[in-house]
């Protein structure tokens, strides 16, 4: 483990239209966690925002802030997760055999 982050989130600020029904029948919500290098005036360096679609980002839509927090422990060694690559569909993929 390379970090522990505490966050407080305003549940009433979640846009209901962005709730996602999973294949397992459970309800999910996508949000983005940002960690800043420097804390704000309240000692917080973590912010929680509503995840934006590519269209929302391109339109420069304002972020919806849902909460904030702080990093309470780190070993100084946080790594990025590998990106999942989408395989291009081929004609063979659509064949029934």
N, C-alpha and C. Protein backbone atom coordinates (compact mmCIF):
# COMPACT_ATOMS: atom_id res chain seq x y z
N UNK A 1 0.86 -1.17 0.00
CA UNK A 1 0.00 0.00 0.00
C UNK A 1 0.90 1.22 0.00
N UNK A 2 0.54 2.19 -0.84
CA UNK A 2 1.41 3.36 -0.92
C UNK A 2 0.76 4.65 -0.43
N UNK A 3 -0.55 4.64 -0.12
CA UNK A 3 -1.18 5.86 0.39
C UNK A 3 -2.50 5.54 1.07
N UNK A 4 -2.84 6.36 2.04
CA UNK A 4 -4.16 6.33 2.67
C UNK A 4 -4.70 7.74 2.58
N UNK A 5 -5.93 7.86 2.06
CA UNK A 5 -6.56 9.16 1.85
C UNK A 5 -7.93 9.16 2.52
N UNK A 6 -8.20 10.15 3.35
CA UNK A 6 -9.52 10.33 3.94
C UNK A 6 -10.27 11.40 3.16
N UNK A 7 -11.54 11.11 2.81
CA UNK A 7 -12.34 12.05 2.04
C UNK A 7 -13.73 12.12 2.65
N UNK A 8 -14.29 13.32 2.69
CA UNK A 8 -15.66 13.55 3.10
C UNK A 8 -16.44 13.97 1.87
N UNK A 9 -17.55 13.27 1.56
CA UNK A 9 -18.31 13.54 0.34
C UNK A 9 -19.73 13.96 0.66
N UNK A 10 -20.22 14.97 -0.07
CA UNK A 10 -21.61 15.43 0.05
C UNK A 10 -22.49 14.54 -0.82
N UNK A 11 -23.15 13.60 -0.23
CA UNK A 11 -23.99 12.65 -0.96
C UNK A 11 -25.16 13.35 -1.63
N UNK A 12 -25.69 14.40 -1.01
CA UNK A 12 -26.83 15.11 -1.61
C UNK A 12 -26.44 15.89 -2.87
N UNK A 13 -25.13 16.07 -3.13
CA UNK A 13 -24.67 16.80 -4.31
C UNK A 13 -24.52 15.91 -5.53
N UNK A 14 -24.70 14.60 -5.36
CA UNK A 14 -24.54 13.68 -6.49
C UNK A 14 -25.69 13.85 -7.49
N UNK A 15 -25.37 14.16 -8.76
CA UNK A 15 -26.42 14.28 -9.77
C UNK A 15 -27.04 12.90 -10.01
N UNK A 16 -28.29 12.74 -9.67
CA UNK A 16 -28.97 11.44 -9.75
C UNK A 16 -28.94 10.84 -11.15
N UNK A 17 -28.93 11.71 -12.19
CA UNK A 17 -28.94 11.20 -13.56
C UNK A 17 -27.64 10.51 -13.94
N UNK A 18 -26.61 10.64 -13.10
CA UNK A 18 -25.33 10.01 -13.39
C UNK A 18 -25.13 8.70 -12.62
N UNK A 19 -26.14 8.24 -11.92
CA UNK A 19 -26.05 6.94 -11.26
C UNK A 19 -26.06 5.87 -12.36
N UNK A 20 -25.27 4.84 -12.18
CA UNK A 20 -25.12 3.79 -13.18
C UNK A 20 -25.58 2.47 -12.59
N UNK A 21 -26.44 1.77 -13.32
CA UNK A 21 -26.87 0.42 -12.91
C UNK A 21 -25.86 -0.58 -13.44
N UNK A 22 -25.27 -1.34 -12.53
CA UNK A 22 -24.29 -2.33 -12.93
C UNK A 22 -24.94 -3.62 -13.37
N UNK A 23 -24.17 -4.48 -14.02
CA UNK A 23 -24.66 -5.78 -14.46
C UNK A 23 -25.05 -6.65 -13.27
N UNK A 24 -24.48 -6.34 -12.12
CA UNK A 24 -24.77 -7.11 -10.91
C UNK A 24 -26.02 -6.60 -10.19
N UNK A 25 -26.70 -5.57 -10.78
CA UNK A 25 -27.91 -5.02 -10.19
C UNK A 25 -27.65 -3.96 -9.15
N UNK A 26 -26.40 -3.65 -8.87
CA UNK A 26 -26.05 -2.63 -7.88
C UNK A 26 -25.92 -1.27 -8.57
N UNK A 27 -25.98 -0.21 -7.79
CA UNK A 27 -25.90 1.15 -8.32
C UNK A 27 -24.50 1.71 -8.05
N UNK A 28 -23.91 2.32 -9.10
CA UNK A 28 -22.57 2.86 -9.01
C UNK A 28 -22.58 4.34 -9.38
N UNK A 29 -21.51 5.03 -8.98
CA UNK A 29 -21.33 6.44 -9.33
C UNK A 29 -19.85 6.67 -9.59
N UNK A 30 -19.53 7.29 -10.71
CA UNK A 30 -18.14 7.56 -11.04
C UNK A 30 -17.75 8.96 -10.59
N UNK A 31 -16.65 9.05 -9.87
CA UNK A 31 -16.13 10.34 -9.46
C UNK A 31 -14.63 10.34 -9.63
N UNK A 32 -14.04 11.52 -9.57
CA UNK A 32 -12.61 11.68 -9.76
C UNK A 32 -11.99 12.21 -8.47
N UNK A 33 -10.88 11.60 -8.07
CA UNK A 33 -10.14 12.05 -6.89
C UNK A 33 -8.85 12.71 -7.39
N UNK A 34 -8.62 13.94 -6.96
CA UNK A 34 -7.40 14.67 -7.33
C UNK A 34 -6.58 14.93 -6.08
N UNK A 35 -5.28 14.67 -6.18
CA UNK A 35 -4.37 14.92 -5.07
C UNK A 35 -3.43 16.05 -5.49
N UNK A 36 -3.43 17.13 -4.73
CA UNK A 36 -2.59 18.29 -5.02
C UNK A 36 -1.27 18.19 -4.27
N UNK A 37 -0.26 18.86 -4.81
CA UNK A 37 1.05 18.87 -4.16
C UNK A 37 1.05 19.68 -2.87
N UNK A 38 0.25 20.73 -2.82
CA UNK A 38 0.21 21.62 -1.66
C UNK A 38 -1.20 21.64 -1.05
N UNK A 39 -1.30 21.68 0.28
CA UNK A 39 -2.62 21.76 0.91
C UNK A 39 -3.23 23.15 0.79
N UNK A 40 -4.56 23.22 0.89
CA UNK A 40 -5.24 24.52 0.88
C UNK A 40 -5.19 25.13 2.28
N UNK A 41 -5.93 26.22 2.48
CA UNK A 41 -5.89 26.92 3.77
C UNK A 41 -6.47 26.09 4.92
N UNK A 42 -7.17 24.98 4.58
CA UNK A 42 -7.75 24.12 5.61
C UNK A 42 -6.92 22.85 5.83
N UNK A 43 -5.76 22.77 5.19
CA UNK A 43 -4.89 21.61 5.34
C UNK A 43 -5.32 20.43 4.47
N UNK A 44 -6.17 20.68 3.48
CA UNK A 44 -6.66 19.61 2.62
C UNK A 44 -5.93 19.65 1.28
N UNK A 45 -5.55 18.48 0.79
CA UNK A 45 -4.89 18.42 -0.51
C UNK A 45 -5.54 17.40 -1.44
N UNK A 46 -6.76 16.98 -1.11
CA UNK A 46 -7.50 16.03 -1.93
C UNK A 46 -8.86 16.63 -2.25
N UNK A 47 -9.27 16.53 -3.53
CA UNK A 47 -10.61 16.97 -3.89
C UNK A 47 -11.32 15.86 -4.63
N UNK A 48 -12.63 15.82 -4.45
CA UNK A 48 -13.48 14.80 -5.05
C UNK A 48 -14.47 15.52 -5.96
N UNK A 49 -14.46 15.18 -7.24
CA UNK A 49 -15.36 15.81 -8.20
C UNK A 49 -16.13 14.77 -8.98
N UNK A 50 -17.25 15.21 -9.54
CA UNK A 50 -18.04 14.37 -10.43
C UNK A 50 -17.19 14.08 -11.67
N UNK A 51 -17.11 12.81 -12.09
CA UNK A 51 -16.37 12.49 -13.30
C UNK A 51 -17.06 13.11 -14.50
N UNK A 52 -16.28 13.72 -15.37
CA UNK A 52 -16.84 14.35 -16.55
C UNK A 52 -16.64 13.46 -17.78
N UNK A 53 -17.60 13.55 -18.70
CA UNK A 53 -17.45 12.86 -19.97
C UNK A 53 -16.46 13.65 -20.83
N UNK A 54 -16.01 13.05 -21.90
CA UNK A 54 -15.10 13.75 -22.81
C UNK A 54 -15.77 14.99 -23.37
N UNK A 55 -17.06 14.89 -23.67
CA UNK A 55 -17.79 16.04 -24.21
C UNK A 55 -17.85 17.18 -23.19
N UNK A 56 -18.07 16.85 -21.92
CA UNK A 56 -18.11 17.88 -20.87
C UNK A 56 -16.75 18.55 -20.71
N UNK A 57 -15.68 17.76 -20.79
CA UNK A 57 -14.34 18.34 -20.68
C UNK A 57 -14.04 19.25 -21.87
N UNK A 58 -14.38 18.80 -23.09
CA UNK A 58 -14.13 19.60 -24.29
C UNK A 58 -14.94 20.89 -24.28
N UNK A 59 -16.16 20.85 -23.70
CA UNK A 59 -17.01 22.04 -23.62
C UNK A 59 -16.61 22.94 -22.45
N UNK A 60 -15.57 22.54 -21.71
CA UNK A 60 -15.08 23.31 -20.56
C UNK A 60 -16.16 23.51 -19.50
N UNK A 61 -17.02 22.48 -19.34
CA UNK A 61 -18.07 22.55 -18.33
C UNK A 61 -17.43 22.60 -16.94
N UNK A 62 -17.98 23.41 -16.06
CA UNK A 62 -17.44 23.53 -14.70
C UNK A 62 -17.55 22.20 -13.96
N UNK A 63 -16.55 21.90 -13.16
CA UNK A 63 -16.57 20.67 -12.37
C UNK A 63 -17.56 20.81 -11.22
N UNK A 64 -18.19 19.69 -10.87
CA UNK A 64 -19.08 19.65 -9.71
C UNK A 64 -18.27 19.06 -8.56
N UNK A 65 -17.96 19.90 -7.56
CA UNK A 65 -17.18 19.45 -6.41
C UNK A 65 -18.09 18.73 -5.43
N UNK A 66 -17.67 17.54 -5.03
CA UNK A 66 -18.46 16.68 -4.15
C UNK A 66 -17.89 16.59 -2.74
N UNK A 67 -16.63 16.91 -2.58
CA UNK A 67 -16.02 16.80 -1.26
C UNK A 67 -14.53 17.05 -1.32
N UNK A 68 -13.90 16.91 -0.17
CA UNK A 68 -12.46 17.10 -0.09
C UNK A 68 -11.90 16.32 1.08
N UNK A 69 -10.59 16.27 1.16
CA UNK A 69 -9.96 15.51 2.23
C UNK A 69 -8.47 15.73 2.23
N UNK A 70 -7.75 14.76 2.77
CA UNK A 70 -6.30 14.90 2.83
C UNK A 70 -5.62 13.54 2.83
N UNK A 71 -4.40 13.53 2.34
CA UNK A 71 -3.57 12.34 2.39
C UNK A 71 -3.08 12.23 3.83
N UNK A 72 -3.35 11.10 4.47
CA UNK A 72 -2.93 10.95 5.87
C UNK A 72 -1.68 10.09 6.01
N UNK A 73 -1.35 9.35 4.97
CA UNK A 73 -0.13 8.54 5.00
C UNK A 73 0.27 8.19 3.58
N UNK A 74 1.56 8.17 3.33
CA UNK A 74 2.09 7.72 2.05
C UNK A 74 3.49 7.19 2.24
N UNK A 75 3.84 6.21 1.43
CA UNK A 75 5.22 5.73 1.46
C UNK A 75 6.05 6.45 0.40
N UNK A 76 5.40 7.45 -0.27
CA UNK A 76 6.10 8.23 -1.28
C UNK A 76 6.28 7.52 -2.60
N UNK A 77 5.55 6.43 -2.80
CA UNK A 77 5.77 5.62 -3.99
C UNK A 77 4.44 5.25 -4.66
N UNK A 78 3.70 6.25 -5.11
CA UNK A 78 2.43 6.00 -5.79
C UNK A 78 2.70 5.86 -7.28
N UNK A 79 2.17 4.81 -7.88
CA UNK A 79 2.38 4.55 -9.31
C UNK A 79 1.03 4.61 -10.04
N UNK A 80 1.08 4.95 -11.30
CA UNK A 80 -0.14 4.96 -12.10
C UNK A 80 -0.49 3.53 -12.51
N UNK A 81 -1.77 3.27 -12.62
CA UNK A 81 -2.23 1.96 -13.07
C UNK A 81 -2.08 1.87 -14.59
N UNK A 82 -1.82 0.69 -15.11
CA UNK A 82 -1.70 0.57 -16.56
C UNK A 82 -3.04 0.85 -17.23
N UNK A 83 -3.00 1.51 -18.39
CA UNK A 83 -4.22 1.80 -19.13
C UNK A 83 -4.70 0.54 -19.83
N UNK A 84 -6.02 0.36 -19.82
CA UNK A 84 -6.61 -0.77 -20.53
C UNK A 84 -6.75 -0.37 -21.99
N UNK A 85 -6.22 -1.19 -22.86
CA UNK A 85 -6.31 -0.91 -24.28
C UNK A 85 -7.50 -1.66 -24.85
N UNK A 86 -8.31 -0.95 -25.62
CA UNK A 86 -9.45 -1.59 -26.26
C UNK A 86 -8.96 -2.20 -27.56
N UNK A 87 -9.25 -3.49 -27.72
CA UNK A 87 -8.85 -4.18 -28.95
C UNK A 87 -9.79 -3.79 -30.07
N UNK A 88 -9.23 -3.58 -31.25
CA UNK A 88 -10.06 -3.25 -32.41
C UNK A 88 -10.83 -4.49 -32.83
N UNK A 89 -12.12 -4.33 -33.11
CA UNK A 89 -12.95 -5.45 -33.56
C UNK A 89 -12.54 -5.83 -34.98
N UNK A 90 -12.49 -7.12 -35.21
CA UNK A 90 -12.17 -7.62 -36.54
C UNK A 90 -13.35 -8.38 -37.08
N UNK A 91 -13.32 -8.67 -38.36
CA UNK A 91 -14.40 -9.45 -38.99
C UNK A 91 -14.50 -10.81 -38.31
N UNK A 92 -13.36 -11.38 -37.97
CA UNK A 92 -13.36 -12.70 -37.34
C UNK A 92 -14.11 -12.69 -36.01
N UNK A 93 -14.09 -11.54 -35.31
CA UNK A 93 -14.79 -11.43 -34.03
C UNK A 93 -16.29 -11.60 -34.18
N UNK A 94 -16.84 -11.26 -35.33
CA UNK A 94 -18.28 -11.35 -35.51
C UNK A 94 -18.75 -12.66 -36.12
N UNK A 95 -17.81 -13.51 -36.49
CA UNK A 95 -18.19 -14.81 -37.06
C UNK A 95 -18.65 -15.76 -35.97
N UNK A 96 -19.70 -16.55 -36.25
CA UNK A 96 -20.22 -17.46 -35.22
C UNK A 96 -19.39 -18.70 -34.99
N UNK A 97 -18.29 -18.89 -35.69
CA UNK A 97 -17.47 -20.09 -35.53
C UNK A 97 -16.03 -19.75 -35.31
